[in-house]
Amino acid sequence: MDYLFYKFYRLSQRSSIPEVAGLLAEIFLTICLSFNFLAIVALLKKTDVINYFPSKNDFIFIAIGIFLLICLLHFLKFRYKRIIEKYKNEDSRSRVRGNLIVTLYVIFSFVFLLGIAFYKPGVF
């Protein structure tokens, strides 16, 4: 998760407001983790393992909770700075491989969520 944060941080630095790159990285990470949570809960619901599926308000509350938890973990004692320093000097081969892995993770997350939506349509 640290490397994913770092990659989102580097992506955010290239935005029009690089001063808030840490916060934007937290938001990107929250979106990915929230979609992963939603996909897992949807899969469990569609396979009748659980009977609960979060409403829109519940999902927003869960996403805010994930965001606050990630912020607490990264900004407490400036942990995000240690993460950035750890990965800052990666060589170009590692950087390309890391970019590929992060890209595949994001694509897989959305494809997985879409795949679950088409599995047993109308179950919710």
Foldseek 3Di string as FASTA:
>chain_A
DLLQLLVQLVVCCPDPCNVCSNLRSLLVVLVLVLLLVQLVVLLCCLVVVDVDHDDPVRSVVVSVVSSVVVCCVCPPVNNNVVSCVVCVPDDPVVVVVSVVVSVVSSVCSVVSSVVSCPRPDPSD
